[in-house]
Amino acid sequence: MKKKLFYFFITTLCLIGFVSCSDDDEDTDIKFLYGSEKVSSVSVTSVDKISVETRNAKGTYTVKSNNEEIATAKIDEYEDLITGKKDFRINIQGIKEGSTSITVIDSENRSATLKVDVIIKTVSLMITSQGASVEAENGTPEDQPAIDKVTEEIKSKLAPIGGGFKLIYASQYEGTLIYYPNIQKLSEKVEGTFKFEGNEATERMILKFFYNNTEYVYDPYGGSALTYSTRTSEVRVVFMRDFTNDYIGMTKPKIKKASGALFMSPRITF
């Protein structure tokens, strides 16, 4: 009986050792990490870039995209903020919609493949409220009715609450725009274009919408010095528009600055 138990004990140890060795062998395979998670596939938009890291690659390694018309891949050296050591990661740049893969080969000629899905970047924004700010030069209490009138006029010139915009990116800075006067009626829409441009005077980006044969110029970063009709916790994006030139001839009161704003909430899609 003792011999049988001893034999069983030894056999069990051998099995445990075999499983452990198998796990160790498996852990030496090249793996990909996105964030802190092991992944076998990733998604990136057609105008964005993501970074993935490798684990268990021996020595130096190379990376190649299997279809550079869909996505490119390059090795990037960086410094770990915690350890201060130099390390490497793979930057994957989306090019156009489709699926491909990248292959890593290390110095021992071992390889691993990561699937890459490239999707079209779209941003949907629903208008949740409007705002307006009017500054008069040497304004007096008697000027307030005129200022209030200008404030309401500016709001009437803005896209309405309940409307929305969909931006479909063709490149990092421009693409197709779809304007919906009411997102509850998606069949009623106007197509146009959008484009981000640098503003040399402010050293910031401006956003130009073109639809209904009209160009609308916005500051997509906005500000908080506004009086707004409604405001909700959903508001996350502000587009400001300058209306000062519309009232440059006004003398009573003399308008120093006039701005309107759209407060918008991002949506997954509409």
C-alpha atoms as a PDB file:
ATOM      1  CA  MET A   1       0.000   0.000   0.000  1.00  0.00           C
ATOM      2  CA  LYS A   2       2.821   2.375   0.904  1.00  0.00           C
ATOM      3  CA  LYS A   3       4.536   1.605  -2.397  1.00  0.00           C
ATOM      4  CA  LYS A   4       1.338   2.429  -4.297  1.00  0.00           C
ATOM      5  CA  LEU A   5       0.931   5.730  -2.457  1.00  0.00           C
ATOM      6  CA  PHE A   6       4.574   6.610  -3.064  1.00  0.00           C
ATOM      7  CA  TYR A   7       4.204   5.774  -6.757  1.00  0.00           C
ATOM      8  CA  PHE A   8       1.044   7.918  -6.972  1.00  0.00           C
ATOM      9  CA  PHE A   9       2.837  10.813  -5.255  1.00  0.00           C
ATOM     10  CA  ILE A  10       5.806  10.648  -7.643  1.00  0.00           C
ATOM     11  CA  THR A  11       3.497  10.378 -10.676  1.00  0.00           C
ATOM     12  CA  THR A  12       1.528  13.409  -9.506  1.00  0.00           C
ATOM     13  CA  LEU A  13       4.723  15.426  -9.095  1.00  0.00           C
ATOM     14  CA  CYS A  14       5.790  14.472 -12.598  1.00  0.00           C
ATOM     15  CA  LEU A  15       2.433  15.543 -14.004  1.00  0.00           C
ATOM     16  CA  ILE A  16       2.591  18.853 -12.132  1.00  0.00           C
ATOM     17  CA  GLY A  17       6.127  19.357 -13.383  1.00  0.00           C
ATOM     18  CA  PHE A  18       5.023  18.591 -16.929  1.00  0.00           C
ATOM     19  CA  VAL A  19       2.141  21.067 -16.762  1.00  0.00           C
ATOM     20  CA  SER A  20       4.380  23.723 -15.229  1.00  0.00           C
ATOM     21  CA  CYS A  21       6.981  23.234 -17.916  1.00  0.00           C
ATOM     22  CA  SER A  22       4.297  23.476 -20.587  1.00  0.00           C
ATOM     23  CA  ASP A  23       3.023  26.727 -19.065  1.00  0.00           C
ATOM     24  CA  ASP A  24       6.560  28.101 -18.904  1.00  0.00           C
ATOM     25  CA  ASP A  25       7.111  27.216 -22.547  1.00  0.00           C
ATOM     26  CA  GLU A  26       3.839  28.895 -23.473  1.00  0.00           C
ATOM     27  CA  ASP A  27       4.784  32.032 -21.535  1.00  0.00           C
ATOM     28  CA  THR A  28       7.922  32.438 -23.631  1.00  0.00           C
ATOM     29  CA  ASP A  29       5.888  33.029 -26.793  1.00  0.00           C
ATOM     30  CA  ILE A  30       5.924  36.562 -28.165  1.00  0.00           C
ATOM     31  CA  LYS A  31       2.849  38.431 -26.980  1.00  0.00           C
ATOM     32  CA  PHE A  32       1.271  41.821 -27.676  1.00  0.00           C
ATOM     33  CA  LEU A  33       0.042  44.239 -25.011  1.00  0.00           C
ATOM     34  CA  TYR A  34      -2.365  47.111 -25.636  1.00  0.00           C
ATOM     35  CA  GLY A  35      -2.563  49.156 -22.477  1.00  0.00           C
ATOM     36  CA  SER A  36      -1.991  46.482 -19.856  1.00  0.00           C
ATOM     37  CA  GLU A  37      -3.948  43.692 -21.554  1.00  0.00           C
ATOM     38  CA  LYS A  38      -2.699  40.889 -23.773  1.00  0.00           C
ATOM     39  CA  VAL A  39      -4.351  41.138 -27.185  1.00  0.00           C
ATOM     40  CA  SER A  40      -4.481  39.186 -30.421  1.00  0.00           C
ATOM     41  CA  SER A  41      -6.211  41.976 -32.360  1.00  0.00           C
ATOM     42  CA  VAL A  42      -6.620  45.760 -32.162  1.00  0.00           C
ATOM     43  CA  SER A  43      -8.736  48.448 -33.827  1.00  0.00           C
ATOM     44  CA  VAL A  44      -7.611  51.884 -34.989  1.00  0.00           C
ATOM     45  CA  THR A  45      -9.346  54.594 -36.993  1.00  0.00           C
ATOM     46  CA  SER A  46      -8.233  55.552 -40.478  1.00  0.00           C
ATOM     47  CA  VAL A  47      -6.632  58.794 -39.235  1.00  0.00           C
ATOM     48  CA  ASP A  48      -5.318  57.816 -35.806  1.00  0.00           C
ATOM     49  CA  LYS A  49      -2.342  56.002 -34.341  1.00  0.00           C
ATOM     50  CA  ILE A  50      -2.096  53.530 -31.458  1.00  0.00           C
ATOM     51  CA  SER A  51       0.862  51.953 -29.665  1.00  0.00           C
ATOM     52  CA  VAL A  52       1.265  48.311 -28.645  1.00  0.00           C
ATOM     53  CA  GLU A  53       4.094  46.667 -26.743  1.00  0.00           C
ATOM     54  CA  THR A  54       5.662  43.238 -27.103  1.00  0.00           C
ATOM     55  CA  ARG A  55       6.643  40.737 -24.439  1.00  0.00           C
ATOM     56  CA  ASN A  56       9.148  37.871 -24.671  1.00  0.00           C
ATOM     57  CA  ALA A  57      10.736  39.024 -27.940  1.00  0.00           C
ATOM     58  CA  LYS A  58      14.402  37.970 -27.851  1.00  0.00           C
ATOM     59  CA  GLY A  59      17.050  40.565 -28.679  1.00  0.00           C
ATOM     60  CA  THR A  60      16.167  43.065 -31.367  1.00  0.00           C
ATOM     61  CA  TYR A  61      13.096  42.526 -33.491  1.00  0.00           C
ATOM     62  CA  THR A  62      11.551  43.756 -36.708  1.00  0.00           C
ATOM     63  CA  VAL A  63       7.936  44.572 -37.502  1.00  0.00           C
ATOM     64  CA  LYS A  64       6.140  44.610 -40.825  1.00  0.00           C
ATOM     65  CA  SER A  65       2.603  45.421 -41.896  1.00  0.00           C
ATOM     66  CA  ASN A  66       1.180  42.853 -44.270  1.00  0.00           C
ATOM     67  CA  ASN A  67      -0.746  45.592 -46.112  1.00  0.00           C
ATOM     68  CA  GLU A  68       0.623  49.120 -45.780  1.00  0.00           C
ATOM     69  CA  GLU A  69      -2.287  50.527 -47.787  1.00  0.00           C
ATOM     70  CA  ILE A  70      -4.506  49.736 -44.782  1.00  0.00           C
ATOM     71  CA  ALA A  71      -2.119  50.284 -41.849  1.00  0.00           C
ATOM     72  CA  THR A  72       1.581  50.887 -41.264  1.00  0.00           C
ATOM     73  CA  ALA A  73       3.701  49.722 -38.334  1.00  0.00           C
ATOM     74  CA  LYS A  74       6.983  51.142 -37.024  1.00  0.00           C
ATOM     75  CA  ILE A  75       9.174  50.472 -33.995  1.00  0.00           C
ATOM     76  CA  ASP A  76       9.447  53.442 -31.637  1.00  0.00           C
ATOM     77  CA  GLU A  77      12.044  53.815 -28.875  1.00  0.00           C
ATOM     78  CA  TYR A  78      10.858  55.490 -25.670  1.00  0.00           C
ATOM     79  CA  GLU A  79      11.885  55.946 -22.042  1.00  0.00           C
ATOM     80  CA  ASP A  80       9.879  54.168 -19.341  1.00  0.00           C
ATOM     81  CA  LEU A  81       8.639  56.857 -16.924  1.00  0.00           C
ATOM     82  CA  ILE A  82       8.870  54.499 -13.936  1.00  0.00           C
ATOM     83  CA  THR A  83      12.183  52.709 -14.502  1.00  0.00           C
ATOM     84  CA  GLY A  84      13.870  55.319 -16.693  1.00  0.00           C
ATOM     85  CA  LYS A  85      15.041  52.543 -19.009  1.00  0.00           C
ATOM     86  CA  LYS A  86      14.883  52.639 -22.783  1.00  0.00           C
ATOM     87  CA  ASP A  87      12.239  50.386 -24.266  1.00  0.00           C
ATOM     88  CA  PHE A  88      10.500  49.800 -27.571  1.00  0.00           C
ATOM     89  CA  ARG A  89       6.903  49.808 -28.738  1.00  0.00           C
ATOM     90  CA  ILE A  90       5.115  49.448 -32.052  1.00  0.00           C
ATOM     91  CA  ASN A  91       3.221  52.420 -33.477  1.00  0.00           C
ATOM     92  CA  ILE A  92       0.348  51.386 -35.741  1.00  0.00           C
ATOM     93  CA  GLN A  93      -1.067  54.074 -38.048  1.00  0.00           C
ATOM     94  CA  GLY A  94      -4.460  53.554 -39.673  1.00  0.00           C
ATOM     95  CA  ILE A  95      -4.600  54.484 -43.365  1.00  0.00           C
ATOM     96  CA  LYS A  96      -7.903  53.298 -44.806  1.00  0.00           C
ATOM     97  CA  GLU A  97     -10.809  51.053 -43.860  1.00  0.00           C
ATOM     98  CA  GLY A  98     -10.083  47.325 -43.905  1.00  0.00           C
ATOM     99  CA  SER A  99      -8.310  44.499 -42.086  1.00  0.00           C
ATOM    100  CA  THR A 100      -4.680  43.456 -42.131  1.00  0.00           C
ATOM    101  CA  SER A 101      -2.053  42.184 -39.689  1.00  0.00           C
ATOM    102  CA  ILE A 102       1.424  43.030 -38.478  1.00  0.00           C
ATOM    103  CA  THR A 103       4.173  40.470 -37.959  1.00  0.00           C
ATOM    104  CA  VAL A 104       7.010  40.675 -35.441  1.00  0.00           C
ATOM    105  CA  ILE A 105      10.184  38.590 -35.884  1.00  0.00           C
ATOM    106  CA  ASP A 106      12.803  38.524 -33.120  1.00  0.00           C
ATOM    107  CA  SER A 107      16.545  37.750 -33.238  1.00  0.00           C
ATOM    108  CA  GLU A 108      15.874  34.015 -32.805  1.00  0.00           C
ATOM    109  CA  ASN A 109      13.623  34.075 -35.880  1.00  0.00           C
ATOM    110  CA  ARG A 110      10.498  33.549 -33.785  1.00  0.00           C
ATOM    111  CA  SER A 111       7.411  35.374 -35.008  1.00  0.00           C
ATOM    112  CA  ALA A 112       4.007  36.545 -33.819  1.00  0.00           C
ATOM    113  CA  THR A 113       1.119  38.137 -35.690  1.00  0.00           C
ATOM    114  CA  LEU A 114      -1.362  40.783 -34.542  1.00  0.00           C
ATOM    115  CA  LYS A 115      -4.620  41.393 -36.407  1.00  0.00           C
ATOM    116  CA  VAL A 116      -5.401  45.057 -37.145  1.00  0.00           C
ATOM    117  CA  ASP A 117      -8.878  46.347 -38.038  1.00  0.00           C
ATOM    118  CA  VAL A 118      -9.037  49.881 -39.455  1.00  0.00           C
ATOM    119  CA  ILE A 119     -12.354  51.703 -39.211  1.00  0.00           C
ATOM    120  CA  ILE A 120     -13.505  55.075 -40.551  1.00  0.00           C
ATOM    121  CA  LYS A 121     -13.331  57.769 -37.877  1.00  0.00           C
ATOM    122  CA  THR A 122     -16.684  59.446 -37.268  1.00  0.00           C
ATOM    123  CA  VAL A 123     -17.737  61.912 -34.577  1.00  0.00           C
ATOM    124  CA  SER A 124     -21.424  62.577 -33.851  1.00  0.00           C
ATOM    125  CA  LEU A 125     -22.338  65.674 -31.819  1.00  0.00           C
ATOM    126  CA  MET A 126     -25.824  66.568 -30.556  1.00  0.00           C
ATOM    127  CA  ILE A 127     -26.523  70.228 -29.756  1.00  0.00           C
ATOM    128  CA  THR A 128     -27.816  70.387 -26.178  1.00  0.00           C
ATOM    129  CA  SER A 129     -27.800  74.161 -25.621  1.00  0.00           C
ATOM    130  CA  GLN A 130     -26.763  77.521 -27.035  1.00  0.00           C
ATOM    131  CA  GLY A 131     -24.909  80.454 -25.555  1.00  0.00           C
ATOM    132  CA  ALA A 132     -24.120  84.088 -26.333  1.00  0.00           C
ATOM    133  CA  SER A 133     -21.817  86.757 -24.920  1.00  0.00           C
ATOM    134  CA  VAL A 134     -22.075  90.455 -25.850  1.00  0.00           C
ATOM    135  CA  GLU A 135     -19.687  93.138 -24.574  1.00  0.00           C
ATOM    136  CA  ALA A 136     -20.501  96.818 -25.063  1.00  0.00           C
ATOM    137  CA  GLU A 137     -17.969  99.639 -24.914  1.00  0.00           C
ATOM    138  CA  ASN A 138     -18.730 101.878 -21.908  1.00  0.00           C
ATOM    139  CA  GLY A 139     -22.092 100.161 -21.533  1.00  0.00           C
ATOM    140  CA  THR A 140     -24.774 101.639 -19.278  1.00  0.00           C
ATOM    141  CA  PRO A 141     -27.946 100.144 -17.751  1.00  0.00           C
ATOM    142  CA  GLU A 142     -29.897 101.871 -20.529  1.00  0.00           C
ATOM    143  CA  ASP A 143     -27.962  99.786 -23.078  1.00  0.00           C
ATOM    144  CA  GLN A 144     -29.110  96.468 -21.607  1.00  0.00           C
ATOM    145  CA  PRO A 145     -32.291  96.057 -23.718  1.00  0.00           C
ATOM    146  CA  ALA A 146     -30.227  96.509 -26.903  1.00  0.00           C
ATOM    147  CA  ILE A 147     -27.600  94.050 -25.621  1.00  0.00           C
ATOM    148  CA  ASP A 148     -30.325  91.524 -24.792  1.00  0.00           C
ATOM    149  CA  LYS A 149     -31.726  91.907 -28.307  1.00  0.00           C
ATOM    150  CA  VAL A 150     -28.304  91.254 -29.879  1.00  0.00           C
ATOM    151  CA  THR A 151     -27.873  88.222 -27.612  1.00  0.00           C
ATOM    152  CA  GLU A 152     -31.139  86.695 -28.846  1.00  0.00           C
ATOM    153  CA  GLU A 153     -30.268  87.510 -32.472  1.00  0.00           C
ATOM    154  CA  ILE A 154     -26.972  85.648 -32.136  1.00  0.00           C
ATOM    155  CA  LYS A 155     -28.735  82.574 -30.747  1.00  0.00           C
ATOM    156  CA  SER A 156     -31.158  82.626 -33.673  1.00  0.00           C
ATOM    157  CA  LYS A 157     -28.197  82.520 -36.084  1.00  0.00           C
ATOM    158  CA  LEU A 158     -26.782  79.374 -34.470  1.00  0.00           C
ATOM    159  CA  ALA A 159     -27.728  75.797 -35.318  1.00  0.00           C
ATOM    160  CA  PRO A 160     -30.782  74.866 -33.199  1.00  0.00           C
ATOM    161  CA  ILE A 161     -30.909  72.867 -29.989  1.00  0.00           C
ATOM    162  CA  GLY A 162     -31.743  69.260 -30.829  1.00  0.00           C
ATOM    163  CA  GLY A 163     -29.797  69.417 -34.077  1.00  0.00           C
ATOM    164  CA  GLY A 164     -26.445  67.814 -34.645  1.00  0.00           C
ATOM    165  CA  PHE A 165     -23.344  67.317 -36.742  1.00  0.00           C
ATOM    166  CA  LYS A 166     -21.627  64.172 -37.952  1.00  0.00           C
ATOM    167  CA  LEU A 167     -17.964  64.457 -38.959  1.00  0.00           C
ATOM    168  CA  ILE A 168     -16.659  61.682 -41.221  1.00  0.00           C
ATOM    169  CA  TYR A 169     -12.883  61.990 -41.440  1.00  0.00           C
ATOM    170  CA  ALA A 170     -11.107  61.564 -44.775  1.00  0.00           C
ATOM    171  CA  SER A 171      -7.800  62.639 -43.220  1.00  0.00           C
ATOM    172  CA  GLN A 172      -6.637  63.897 -39.849  1.00  0.00           C
ATOM    173  CA  TYR A 173      -7.857  67.438 -40.532  1.00  0.00           C
ATOM    174  CA  GLU A 174     -10.764  67.295 -42.982  1.00  0.00           C
ATOM    175  CA  GLY A 175     -13.646  65.258 -44.265  1.00  0.00           C
ATOM    176  CA  THR A 176     -17.379  65.094 -44.945  1.00  0.00           C
ATOM    177  CA  LEU A 177     -19.881  66.913 -42.737  1.00  0.00           C
ATOM    178  CA  ILE A 178     -23.538  65.988 -42.296  1.00  0.00           C
ATOM    179  CA  TYR A 179     -25.733  68.606 -40.600  1.00  0.00           C
ATOM    180  CA  TYR A 180     -29.045  67.539 -39.054  1.00  0.00           C
ATOM    181  CA  PRO A 181     -31.434  70.391 -38.096  1.00  0.00           C
ATOM    182  CA  ASN A 182     -33.214  67.821 -35.898  1.00  0.00           C
ATOM    183  CA  ILE A 183     -31.609  64.489 -35.011  1.00  0.00           C
ATOM    184  CA  GLN A 184     -35.086  63.028 -34.473  1.00  0.00           C
ATOM    185  CA  LYS A 185     -35.584  63.382 -38.241  1.00  0.00           C
ATOM    186  CA  LEU A 186     -32.427  61.851 -39.694  1.00  0.00           C
ATOM    187  CA  SER A 187     -33.850  61.839 -43.231  1.00  0.00           C
ATOM    188  CA  GLU A 188     -33.672  65.648 -43.170  1.00  0.00           C
ATOM    189  CA  LYS A 189     -29.996  66.417 -43.544  1.00  0.00           C
ATOM    190  CA  VAL A 190     -27.550  68.616 -45.406  1.00  0.00           C
ATOM    191  CA  GLU A 191     -24.152  67.395 -46.591  1.00  0.00           C
ATOM    192  CA  GLY A 192     -21.063  69.556 -46.612  1.00  0.00           C
ATOM    193  CA  THR A 193     -17.417  69.520 -45.590  1.00  0.00           C
ATOM    194  CA  PHE A 194     -15.304  70.341 -42.554  1.00  0.00           C
ATOM    195  CA  LYS A 195     -11.684  71.343 -42.176  1.00  0.00           C
ATOM    196  CA  PHE A 196      -9.365  72.149 -39.278  1.00  0.00           C
ATOM    197  CA  GLU A 197      -6.942  75.000 -39.979  1.00  0.00           C
ATOM    198  CA  GLY A 198      -4.256  76.746 -37.959  1.00  0.00           C
ATOM    199  CA  ASN A 199      -4.958  80.305 -36.847  1.00  0.00           C
ATOM    200  CA  GLU A 200      -1.642  82.198 -36.933  1.00  0.00           C
ATOM    201  CA  ALA A 201      -2.995  85.075 -34.839  1.00  0.00           C
ATOM    202  CA  THR A 202      -4.055  82.882 -31.915  1.00  0.00           C
ATOM    203  CA  GLU A 203      -1.738  79.912 -32.648  1.00  0.00           C
ATOM    204  CA  ARG A 204      -4.768  77.658 -32.293  1.00  0.00           C
ATOM    205  CA  MET A 205      -6.844  75.465 -34.550  1.00  0.00           C
ATOM    206  CA  ILE A 206     -10.100  76.720 -36.018  1.00  0.00           C
ATOM    207  CA  LEU A 207     -12.824  74.521 -37.464  1.00  0.00           C
ATOM    208  CA  LYS A 208     -14.559  75.455 -40.711  1.00  0.00           C
ATOM    209  CA  PHE A 209     -17.939  74.000 -41.655  1.00  0.00           C
ATOM    210  CA  PHE A 210     -19.259  74.511 -45.180  1.00  0.00           C
ATOM    211  CA  TYR A 211     -22.877  73.648 -45.959  1.00  0.00           C
ATOM    212  CA  ASN A 212     -25.939  75.405 -47.414  1.00  0.00           C
ATOM    213  CA  ASN A 213     -23.462  77.403 -49.572  1.00  0.00           C
ATOM    214  CA  THR A 214     -22.186  79.106 -46.417  1.00  0.00           C
ATOM    215  CA  GLU A 215     -18.953  78.882 -44.437  1.00  0.00           C
ATOM    216  CA  TYR A 216     -19.188  78.757 -40.636  1.00  0.00           C
ATOM    217  CA  VAL A 217     -15.991  79.303 -38.636  1.00  0.00           C
ATOM    218  CA  TYR A 218     -15.764  77.937 -35.085  1.00  0.00           C
ATOM    219  CA  ASP A 219     -13.262  77.875 -32.267  1.00  0.00           C
ATOM    220  CA  PRO A 220     -13.661  74.219 -31.193  1.00  0.00           C
ATOM    221  CA  TYR A 221     -12.094  74.816 -27.783  1.00  0.00           C
ATOM    222  CA  GLY A 222     -14.339  77.662 -26.671  1.00  0.00           C
ATOM    223  CA  GLY A 223     -14.460  79.402 -23.337  1.00  0.00           C
ATOM    224  CA  SER A 224     -16.675  79.780 -20.295  1.00  0.00           C
ATOM    225  CA  ALA A 225     -17.453  83.548 -20.387  1.00  0.00           C
ATOM    226  CA  LEU A 226     -20.915  82.969 -21.816  1.00  0.00           C
ATOM    227  CA  THR A 227     -24.533  83.431 -20.827  1.00  0.00           C
ATOM    228  CA  TYR A 228     -26.431  80.369 -21.953  1.00  0.00           C
ATOM    229  CA  SER A 229     -30.098  79.498 -22.108  1.00  0.00           C
ATOM    230  CA  THR A 230     -29.711  75.972 -20.737  1.00  0.00           C
ATOM    231  CA  ARG A 231     -26.864  73.827 -19.561  1.00  0.00           C
ATOM    232  CA  THR A 232     -26.762  70.170 -18.620  1.00  0.00           C
ATOM    233  CA  SER A 233     -24.185  67.795 -17.186  1.00  0.00           C
ATOM    234  CA  GLU A 234     -24.023  66.143 -20.629  1.00  0.00           C
ATOM    235  CA  VAL A 235     -22.274  69.135 -22.222  1.00  0.00           C
ATOM    236  CA  ARG A 236     -18.735  68.154 -23.153  1.00  0.00           C
ATOM    237  CA  VAL A 237     -17.891  70.009 -26.371  1.00  0.00           C
ATOM    238  CA  VAL A 238     -18.094  73.745 -27.077  1.00  0.00           C
ATOM    239  CA  PHE A 239     -17.904  75.389 -30.519  1.00  0.00           C
ATOM    240  CA  MET A 240     -17.608  79.192 -30.334  1.00  0.00           C
ATOM    241  CA  ARG A 241     -18.354  81.518 -33.238  1.00  0.00           C
ATOM    242  CA  ASP A 242     -17.381  85.201 -33.518  1.00  0.00           C
ATOM    243  CA  PHE A 243     -20.211  87.588 -34.497  1.00  0.00           C
ATOM    244  CA  THR A 244     -18.393  90.857 -33.744  1.00  0.00           C
ATOM    245  CA  ASN A 245     -18.224  91.936 -37.406  1.00  0.00           C
ATOM    246  CA  ASP A 246     -22.007  91.513 -37.729  1.00  0.00           C
ATOM    247  CA  TYR A 247     -22.473  94.445 -35.323  1.00  0.00           C
ATOM    248  CA  ILE A 248     -19.461  96.592 -36.182  1.00  0.00           C
ATOM    249  CA  GLY A 249     -21.712  99.420 -37.419  1.00  0.00           C
ATOM    250  CA  MET A 250     -23.820  99.509 -34.272  1.00  0.00           C
ATOM    251  CA  THR A 251     -23.225 102.667 -32.200  1.00  0.00           C
ATOM    252  CA  LYS A 252     -25.871 102.589 -29.451  1.00  0.00           C
ATOM    253  CA  PRO A 253     -24.354 100.766 -27.761  1.00  0.00           C
ATOM    254  CA  LYS A 254     -21.038 100.212 -29.517  1.00  0.00           C
ATOM    255  CA  ILE A 255     -20.414  96.466 -29.527  1.00  0.00           C
ATOM    256  CA  LYS A 256     -16.841  95.569 -28.580  1.00  0.00           C
ATOM    257  CA  LYS A 257     -17.212  91.800 -28.843  1.00  0.00           C
ATOM    258  CA  ALA A 258     -20.037  89.411 -29.693  1.00  0.00           C
ATOM    259  CA  SER A 259     -19.814  85.620 -29.591  1.00  0.00           C
ATOM    260  CA  GLY A 260     -22.140  82.669 -29.878  1.00  0.00           C
ATOM    261  CA  ALA A 261     -21.586  79.103 -28.764  1.00  0.00           C
ATOM    262  CA  LEU A 262     -22.954  75.634 -29.302  1.00  0.00           C
ATOM    263  CA  PHE A 263     -22.764  73.255 -26.356  1.00  0.00           C
ATOM    264  CA  MET A 264     -22.749  69.677 -27.590  1.00  0.00           C
ATOM    265  CA  SER A 265     -22.760  66.161 -26.280  1.00  0.00           C
ATOM    266  CA  PRO A 266     -20.902  63.398 -28.158  1.00  0.00           C
ATOM    267  CA  ARG A 267     -23.016  60.455 -29.296  1.00  0.00           C
ATOM    268  CA  ILE A 268     -21.922  57.008 -30.440  1.00  0.00           C
ATOM    269  CA  THR A 269     -23.731  57.612 -33.716  1.00  0.00           C
ATOM    270  CA  PHE A 270     -26.896  58.970 -35.307  1.00  0.00           C
END
